[in-house]
């Protein structure tokens, strides 16, 4: 039986939507790197299975987090750096090693892997590639008698075993399936980004004399995921602007709210505002009761997305305040009373210097204009003059700008990489 897909709205038609869509485009995992990530984690599994210690010991090896729901963004504003999260489901025969022993065994098995660096983290082992892609491999064990892929992953800081070492419940696979079910493909969104990525890769291939893969996956599917990518980007930039230490709201938590707020047929601006409004309401409700926000995986009750964030009521209120700033700024961008010259500055405060500069230059290129200081052409409503069929917009290389608000690298669960 054929399933009717929502038509959706082209996110490049409305002026404010287009700013946001172009920024999302600038921070997304490129389809060519998506394919490279696929090949890399397959190669990593083969390497582990060829080792003596893990021979016949890996039951499943699959993406989790942003990679599993097609919401990966760059982790820094000034370069192409991406985290890819993987679950390595191991045979029960390794349980006796304990959390730290499992993490160390995985680190040892990957110690000779041909990458720039192998780093053991609290819950994963990270492979750092020369092109700045990171594969974070979290080892875990399947829970017998539970629904598919309910597992426990390892948590241990080291360097020695501790009473705080533990196995943490998770169902990353179930959550990804739940997310995808609640955020169906919107045809207009998918087609607009498919064409934009095709044109971008074609121009890049001509410039770099590289081959563009024939079967490159185009992974942008709906407004909810675009809104999620923008919110993650804003969170990263805001975190660094304020010079905050410690953990921030984890991406898996933001993905949960994005799925809950998803409404096919919304504009991108409305999708982002709805997402922010939902999170603000949930935080305000918890704070009124003087409680920390508590959110659980809808597919596995024991998997608590807020187990390490927020650390206090004050911290969650801080994030709600950030979201209110984002909401007011987006409303300002929409307002006909906004001075067009102020728009680039507003966007840079929200999403970072480098990404916004690249975005505005690319938009100006589409109109045959050049960008220098505040000489952009705008409509009377404050939107940059752009052609309607922006899916065909070619990308141009922008000079590298070192931003004072470049975002720190963080994992899907909100942990600063140590």
Protein backbone atom coordinates (compact mmCIF):
# COMPACT_ATOMS: atom_id res chain seq x y z
CA UNK A 1 0.00 0.00 0.00
CA UNK A 2 1.37 3.43 -0.99
CA UNK A 3 1.82 5.89 1.88
CA UNK A 4 0.97 9.51 1.09
CA UNK A 5 3.83 11.81 1.98
CA UNK A 6 3.19 15.39 3.13
CA UNK A 7 3.96 17.89 0.39
CA UNK A 8 5.48 20.49 2.68
CA UNK A 9 6.82 23.91 1.73
CA UNK A 10 9.99 24.85 -0.11
CA UNK A 11 12.08 26.42 2.69
CA UNK A 12 13.85 28.76 0.26
CA UNK A 13 10.79 30.75 -0.90
CA UNK A 14 10.01 32.93 2.13
CA UNK A 15 12.76 35.54 2.80
CA UNK A 16 13.18 34.74 6.51
CA UNK A 17 12.91 31.01 5.86
CA UNK A 18 15.58 31.28 3.23
CA UNK A 19 18.07 32.87 5.59
CA UNK A 20 17.50 30.02 8.03
CA UNK A 21 17.53 27.31 5.34
CA UNK A 22 20.80 28.62 3.90
CA UNK A 23 22.37 28.63 7.36
CA UNK A 24 21.17 25.05 7.95
CA UNK A 25 22.66 24.11 4.59
CA UNK A 26 26.00 25.63 5.62
CA UNK A 27 26.30 23.55 8.82
CA UNK A 28 24.93 20.20 7.59
CA UNK A 29 26.93 17.05 7.03
CA UNK A 30 27.47 17.10 3.25
CA UNK A 31 25.99 14.10 1.42
CA UNK A 32 29.45 13.10 0.20
CA UNK A 33 30.70 12.98 3.80
CA UNK A 34 27.55 11.10 4.81
CA UNK A 35 28.61 8.40 2.36
CA UNK A 36 32.18 8.56 3.69
CA UNK A 37 30.92 8.17 7.25
CA UNK A 38 28.96 5.08 6.20
CA UNK A 39 32.06 3.52 4.67
CA UNK A 40 34.20 4.44 7.67
CA UNK A 41 32.04 2.89 10.31
CA UNK A 42 31.70 -0.24 8.16
CA UNK A 43 35.50 -0.38 7.89
CA UNK A 44 35.82 0.11 11.65
CA UNK A 45 33.59 -2.87 12.30
CA UNK A 46 35.65 -5.01 9.92
CA UNK A 47 38.81 -3.95 11.76
CA UNK A 48 37.37 -4.91 15.14
CA UNK A 49 36.04 -8.24 13.88
CA UNK A 50 39.49 -9.01 12.47
CA UNK A 51 41.09 -8.49 15.87
CA UNK A 52 41.74 -11.47 18.10
CA UNK A 53 39.86 -10.02 21.05
CA UNK A 54 36.63 -9.04 19.28
CA UNK A 55 36.49 -11.84 16.67
CA UNK A 56 32.87 -13.04 16.50
CA UNK A 57 32.12 -10.71 19.40
CA UNK A 58 30.20 -7.89 17.71
CA UNK A 59 26.47 -8.52 17.34
CA UNK A 60 25.39 -5.17 15.87
CA UNK A 61 27.18 -2.03 14.71
CA UNK A 62 24.85 0.84 13.86
CA UNK A 63 24.60 4.65 13.87
CA UNK A 64 22.89 6.44 16.71
CA UNK A 65 22.05 10.02 17.50
CA UNK A 66 22.17 12.72 14.83
CA UNK A 67 23.58 10.39 12.19
CA UNK A 68 20.65 8.00 12.66
CA UNK A 69 18.05 10.75 12.18
CA UNK A 70 19.91 12.76 9.52
CA UNK A 71 20.44 15.79 11.78
CA UNK A 72 24.26 15.95 11.92
CA UNK A 73 25.79 19.43 11.88
CA UNK A 74 29.35 20.66 12.02
CA UNK A 75 30.66 20.87 15.55
CA UNK A 76 32.67 24.02 14.93
CA UNK A 77 31.93 27.24 13.09
CA UNK A 78 35.26 27.66 11.34
CA UNK A 79 35.87 24.28 9.77
CA UNK A 80 34.23 21.08 8.57
CA UNK A 81 34.27 18.98 11.74
CA UNK A 82 31.60 16.35 12.33
CA UNK A 83 30.83 13.80 15.04
CA UNK A 84 29.37 10.45 13.96
CA UNK A 85 27.97 8.35 16.81
CA UNK A 86 28.00 4.55 16.62
CA UNK A 87 26.73 1.79 18.91
CA UNK A 88 28.84 -1.38 19.06
CA UNK A 89 26.62 -4.08 20.55
CA UNK A 90 28.93 -6.70 22.00
CA UNK A 91 28.53 -10.33 22.92
CA UNK A 92 27.61 -10.96 26.56
CA UNK A 93 30.92 -12.74 27.08
CA UNK A 94 32.62 -9.36 27.60
CA UNK A 95 30.35 -8.31 30.50
CA UNK A 96 32.77 -9.55 33.11
CA UNK A 97 35.30 -6.88 32.11
CA UNK A 98 33.21 -4.14 33.70
CA UNK A 99 32.53 -0.72 32.09
CA UNK A 100 36.13 0.52 32.21
CA UNK A 101 37.52 -2.81 31.06
CA UNK A 102 35.21 -2.82 28.03
CA UNK A 103 36.17 0.72 27.06
CA UNK A 104 39.88 -0.05 27.46
CA UNK A 105 39.54 -3.25 25.41
CA UNK A 106 37.88 -1.28 22.60
CA UNK A 107 40.60 1.36 22.81
CA UNK A 108 43.31 -1.31 22.62
CA UNK A 109 41.69 -3.00 19.62
CA UNK A 110 41.62 0.34 17.77
CA UNK A 111 45.06 1.53 18.89
CA UNK A 112 46.64 0.61 15.54
CA UNK A 113 43.74 1.89 13.42
CA UNK A 114 44.97 4.27 10.66
CA UNK A 115 43.58 7.54 12.03
CA UNK A 116 45.10 10.68 13.48
CA UNK A 117 44.21 9.82 17.07
CA UNK A 118 42.31 7.28 19.19
CA UNK A 119 40.81 8.72 22.40
CA UNK A 120 38.99 6.87 25.16
CA UNK A 121 36.12 8.98 26.50
CA UNK A 122 33.69 8.39 29.38
CA UNK A 123 31.16 6.50 27.25
CA UNK A 124 32.87 5.88 23.94
CA UNK A 125 36.13 5.58 22.05
CA UNK A 126 36.70 8.35 19.52
CA UNK A 127 38.50 7.94 16.20
CA UNK A 128 39.84 11.27 14.94
CA UNK A 129 40.42 11.38 11.17
CA UNK A 130 42.77 13.73 9.35
CA UNK A 131 39.82 15.54 7.77
CA UNK A 132 38.44 16.28 11.26
CA UNK A 133 35.60 13.78 11.16
CA UNK A 134 35.18 11.89 14.44
CA UNK A 135 33.64 8.46 14.95
CA UNK A 136 32.43 7.99 18.52
CA UNK A 137 31.96 4.26 19.19
CA UNK A 138 29.94 3.41 22.31
CA UNK A 139 30.21 -0.25 23.36
CA UNK A 140 27.16 -1.86 24.95
CA UNK A 141 25.25 -5.03 25.69
CA UNK A 142 21.81 -6.04 24.52
CA UNK A 143 19.18 -6.45 27.26
CA UNK A 144 17.83 -9.99 27.15
CA UNK A 145 14.05 -10.18 26.99
CA UNK A 146 13.58 -6.49 26.10
CA UNK A 147 12.34 -4.96 22.84
CA UNK A 148 14.75 -4.74 19.95
CA UNK A 149 18.13 -3.18 20.77
CA UNK A 150 17.36 -2.02 24.29
CA UNK A 151 20.86 -2.01 25.69
CA UNK A 152 23.25 -0.76 28.34
CA UNK A 153 26.28 1.28 27.27
CA UNK A 154 29.43 1.69 29.35
CA UNK A 155 30.19 4.69 31.57
CA UNK A 156 33.61 4.97 33.23
CA UNK A 157 35.97 7.91 33.58
CA UNK A 158 39.07 5.92 34.50
CA UNK A 159 41.98 5.67 34.70
CA UNK A 160 41.12 3.11 37.40
CA UNK A 161 37.84 1.32 38.13
CA UNK A 162 35.51 3.33 40.36
CA UNK A 163 32.26 2.90 42.26
CA UNK A 164 30.81 5.42 39.83
CA UNK A 165 31.41 3.13 36.85
CA UNK A 166 28.10 1.87 35.54
CA UNK A 167 26.12 0.50 32.62
CA UNK A 168 23.67 3.12 31.34
CA UNK A 169 20.30 2.10 29.81
CA UNK A 170 19.69 3.15 26.22
CA UNK A 171 17.59 2.41 23.18
CA UNK A 172 19.16 4.65 20.55
CA UNK A 173 17.77 2.52 17.73
CA UNK A 174 14.20 2.70 19.07
CA UNK A 175 14.40 6.45 19.54
CA UNK A 176 15.65 6.99 15.98
CA UNK A 177 12.74 4.96 14.62
CA UNK A 178 10.30 6.90 16.82
CA UNK A 179 11.75 10.20 15.61
CA UNK A 180 11.48 9.22 11.95
CA UNK A 181 7.89 8.09 12.40
CA UNK A 182 6.91 11.45 13.89
CA UNK A 183 8.84 13.52 11.31
CA UNK A 184 7.74 12.18 7.92
CA UNK A 185 9.42 13.16 4.67
CA UNK A 186 8.09 16.43 3.24
CA UNK A 187 8.50 16.20 -0.52
CA UNK A 188 9.06 19.92 -1.20
CA UNK A 189 11.73 20.15 1.51
CA UNK A 190 13.53 17.02 0.37
CA UNK A 191 13.48 18.03 -3.30
CA UNK A 192 14.70 21.58 -2.62
CA UNK A 193 17.71 20.35 -0.62
CA UNK A 194 18.37 17.47 -3.00
CA UNK A 195 18.74 19.90 -5.89
CA UNK A 196 20.73 22.38 -3.84
CA UNK A 197 23.21 19.70 -2.76
CA UNK A 198 23.48 18.40 -6.33
CA UNK A 199 24.36 21.84 -7.64
CA UNK A 200 26.72 22.55 -4.75
CA UNK A 201 28.59 19.27 -5.25
CA UNK A 202 28.76 19.81 -9.01
CA UNK A 203 30.37 23.23 -8.56
CA UNK A 204 32.73 21.88 -5.89
CA UNK A 205 33.77 18.98 -8.10
CA UNK A 206 34.53 21.35 -10.97
CA UNK A 207 36.64 23.53 -8.68
CA UNK A 208 38.47 20.75 -6.86
CA UNK A 209 38.68 18.24 -9.72
CA UNK A 210 37.06 15.65 -7.46
CA UNK A 211 34.48 13.05 -8.37
CA UNK A 212 30.95 13.45 -7.04
CA UNK A 213 29.55 10.07 -5.97
CA UNK A 214 26.80 8.89 -8.31
CA UNK A 215 24.66 7.51 -5.48
CA UNK A 216 25.04 10.27 -2.91
CA UNK A 217 22.25 10.11 -0.31
CA UNK A 218 20.25 13.31 0.10
CA UNK A 219 19.28 13.25 3.70
CA UNK A 220 17.33 16.46 4.41
CA UNK A 221 13.73 15.33 4.74
CA UNK A 222 11.55 17.79 6.66
CA UNK A 223 11.22 21.14 8.41
CA UNK A 224 11.35 19.59 11.89
CA UNK A 225 14.90 18.34 11.27
CA UNK A 226 15.98 21.65 9.76
CA UNK A 227 14.63 23.44 12.85
CA UNK A 228 16.53 20.95 15.03
CA UNK A 229 19.79 21.64 13.18
CA UNK A 230 19.34 25.39 13.58
CA UNK A 231 18.59 25.05 17.28
CA UNK A 232 21.68 22.89 17.83
CA UNK A 233 23.78 25.46 16.01
CA UNK A 234 22.32 28.30 18.09
CA UNK A 235 22.91 26.33 21.31
CA UNK A 236 26.57 25.78 20.43
CA UNK A 237 27.18 29.42 19.55
CA UNK A 238 25.30 30.74 22.56
CA UNK A 239 27.20 28.40 24.88
CA UNK A 240 30.51 29.74 23.66
CA UNK A 241 29.40 33.39 23.54
CA UNK A 242 28.55 33.24 27.23
CA UNK A 243 31.77 31.40 28.12
CA UNK A 244 29.91 28.65 29.94
CA UNK A 245 31.57 25.58 31.38
CA UNK A 246 30.25 22.06 31.77
CA UNK A 247 27.52 20.30 29.88
CA UNK A 248 24.83 21.85 27.73
CA UNK A 249 21.39 20.63 26.68
CA UNK A 250 22.07 17.33 24.85
CA UNK A 251 21.15 16.98 21.19
CA UNK A 252 19.07 13.88 21.90
CA UNK A 253 16.85 15.99 24.17
CA UNK A 254 16.42 18.64 21.48
CA UNK A 255 15.61 15.90 18.95
CA UNK A 256 12.92 14.56 21.26
CA UNK A 257 11.25 17.97 21.41
CA UNK A 258 11.67 18.48 17.65
CA UNK A 259 9.75 15.27 17.03
CA UNK A 260 7.02 16.28 19.48
CA UNK A 261 6.59 19.72 17.91
CA UNK A 262 6.73 18.49 14.31
CA UNK A 263 3.79 19.60 12.16
CA UNK A 264 4.14 18.83 8.44
CA UNK A 265 3.34 21.85 6.30
CA UNK A 266 4.84 24.49 8.60
CA UNK A 267 7.26 27.10 7.37
CA UNK A 268 10.80 26.71 8.67
CA UNK A 269 10.44 29.83 10.81
CA UNK A 270 7.26 28.52 12.41
CA UNK A 271 8.83 25.10 12.97
CA UNK A 272 11.75 26.70 14.83
CA UNK A 273 9.48 28.94 16.88
CA UNK A 274 7.20 26.00 17.77
CA UNK A 275 10.19 23.92 18.86
CA UNK A 276 11.49 26.71 21.10
CA UNK A 277 8.04 27.36 22.57
CA UNK A 278 7.60 23.70 23.52
CA UNK A 279 10.96 23.50 25.29
CA UNK A 280 10.34 26.78 27.13
CA UNK A 281 6.95 25.52 28.36
CA UNK A 282 8.41 22.24 29.59
CA UNK A 283 11.26 23.96 31.41
CA UNK A 284 8.96 26.58 32.95
CA UNK A 285 6.60 23.87 34.20
CA UNK A 286 9.46 21.98 35.87
CA UNK A 287 10.98 25.15 37.32
CA UNK A 288 7.69 26.30 38.84
CA UNK A 289 7.75 23.07 40.85
CA UNK A 290 11.43 23.66 41.66
CA UNK A 291 12.33 20.48 39.78
CA UNK A 292 14.89 19.67 37.17
CA UNK A 293 13.53 18.75 33.77
CA UNK A 294 13.11 14.98 33.37
CA UNK A 295 12.70 13.50 29.89
CA UNK A 296 12.79 9.80 29.08
CA UNK A 297 13.23 7.92 25.84
CA UNK A 298 9.67 7.27 24.62
CA UNK A 299 10.74 3.79 23.53
CA UNK A 300 12.57 2.81 26.74
CA UNK A 301 11.52 4.24 30.12
CA UNK A 302 14.86 3.57 31.82
CA UNK A 303 16.75 5.59 29.17
CA UNK A 304 16.76 9.09 30.70
CA UNK A 305 17.81 11.83 28.29
CA UNK A 306 18.29 14.31 31.14
CA UNK A 307 20.48 12.10 33.34
CA UNK A 308 23.40 14.56 33.24
CA UNK A 309 21.71 17.79 32.10
CA UNK A 310 20.33 19.95 33.57
CA UNK A 311 22.57 19.91 36.63
CA UNK A 312 20.33 22.47 38.36
CA UNK A 313 17.08 24.39 37.98
CA UNK A 314 19.19 27.48 37.33
CA UNK A 315 20.92 25.80 34.41
CA UNK A 316 17.66 24.85 32.70
CA UNK A 317 16.30 28.36 33.26
CA UNK A 318 19.45 29.70 31.63
CA UNK A 319 18.72 27.62 28.54
CA UNK A 320 15.07 28.76 28.50
CA UNK A 321 16.33 32.34 28.58
CA UNK A 322 18.58 31.57 25.60
CA UNK A 323 15.57 30.22 23.72
CA UNK A 324 13.56 33.35 24.48
CA UNK A 325 16.42 35.37 22.98
CA UNK A 326 16.28 33.20 19.85
CA UNK A 327 12.49 33.57 19.57
CA UNK A 328 12.63 37.37 19.89
CA UNK A 329 15.44 37.58 17.34
CA UNK A 330 13.53 35.46 14.82
CA UNK A 331 10.47 37.64 15.29
CA UNK A 332 12.65 40.69 14.69
CA UNK A 333 13.94 39.19 11.45
CA UNK A 334 10.33 38.70 10.35
CA UNK A 335 9.26 42.22 11.20
CA UNK A 336 8.72 44.76 8.42
CA UNK A 337 10.03 47.43 10.80
CA UNK A 338 13.51 45.86 11.02
CA UNK A 339 16.28 47.86 9.36
CA UNK A 340 17.66 45.56 6.64
CA UNK A 341 21.22 46.55 7.48
CA UNK A 342 20.77 45.02 10.94
CA UNK A 343 19.87 41.56 9.62
CA UNK A 344 23.41 40.18 9.09
CA UNK A 345 24.41 41.25 12.61
CA UNK A 346 21.35 39.57 14.14
CA UNK A 347 22.06 36.34 12.28
CA UNK A 348 25.73 36.36 13.29
CA UNK A 349 24.79 36.69 16.95
CA UNK A 350 22.48 33.70 16.61
CA UNK A 351 24.50 31.36 14.40
CA UNK A 352 28.10 32.59 14.30
CA UNK A 353 30.28 34.83 12.17
CA UNK A 354 31.72 32.32 9.71
CA UNK A 355 28.54 30.47 8.78
CA UNK A 356 26.47 33.62 8.33
CA UNK A 357 29.16 35.37 6.28
CA UNK A 358 29.36 32.35 3.98
CA UNK A 359 25.57 32.20 3.75
CA UNK A 360 25.13 35.86 2.80
CA UNK A 361 27.86 35.64 0.19
CA UNK A 362 26.23 32.59 -1.33
CA UNK A 363 22.84 34.34 -1.42
CA UNK A 364 24.38 37.42 -3.00
CA UNK A 365 26.08 35.23 -5.61
CA UNK A 366 22.66 33.90 -6.60
CA UNK A 367 21.49 37.43 -7.46
CA UNK A 368 24.69 38.33 -9.26
CA UNK A 369 25.57 40.82 -6.51
CA UNK A 370 28.62 41.21 -4.32
CA UNK A 371 28.64 41.53 -0.56
CA UNK A 372 30.74 44.29 0.95
CA UNK A 373 29.96 45.68 4.38
CA UNK A 374 26.29 46.76 4.43
CA UNK A 375 25.61 47.12 0.69
CA UNK A 376 23.17 44.21 0.30
CA UNK A 377 19.95 44.67 -1.67
CA UNK A 378 16.78 44.02 0.28
CA UNK A 379 13.07 43.95 -0.29
CA UNK A 380 10.84 46.47 1.47
CA UNK A 381 10.03 43.77 4.04
CA UNK A 382 13.67 43.38 4.96
CA UNK A 383 14.45 40.22 3.01
CA UNK A 384 17.55 39.89 0.85
CA UNK A 385 16.52 39.96 -2.81
CA UNK A 386 16.78 36.40 -4.06
CA UNK A 387 15.44 34.43 -7.01
CA UNK A 388 12.48 32.15 -6.32
CA UNK A 389 14.18 29.00 -7.61
CA UNK A 390 16.97 29.07 -5.08
CA UNK A 391 17.44 25.32 -5.13
CA UNK A 392 19.72 25.93 -8.08
CA UNK A 393 21.96 28.29 -6.13
CA UNK A 394 25.66 27.47 -6.66
CA UNK A 395 28.02 27.64 -3.72
CA UNK A 396 31.16 29.76 -3.71
CA UNK A 397 34.20 29.31 -1.57
CA UNK A 398 34.43 31.83 1.24
CA UNK A 399 37.72 32.84 2.85
CA UNK A 400 38.24 31.26 6.24
CA UNK A 401 37.27 33.60 9.05
CA UNK A 402 38.28 32.83 12.60
CA UNK A 403 35.21 33.61 14.68
CA UNK A 404 35.42 34.61 18.32
CA UNK A 405 32.29 32.52 18.88
CA UNK A 406 33.32 29.31 17.11
CA UNK A 407 31.45 26.49 18.78
CA UNK A 408 33.16 23.90 20.95
CA UNK A 409 32.89 20.28 19.92
CA UNK A 410 30.17 18.41 21.80
CA UNK A 411 28.68 14.94 21.58
CA UNK A 412 25.08 13.94 20.93
CA UNK A 413 24.45 13.61 24.67
CA UNK A 414 25.80 17.07 25.47
CA UNK A 415 29.25 16.18 26.77
CA UNK A 416 32.23 18.43 26.01
CA UNK A 417 34.97 16.31 24.46
CA UNK A 418 37.76 16.04 26.96
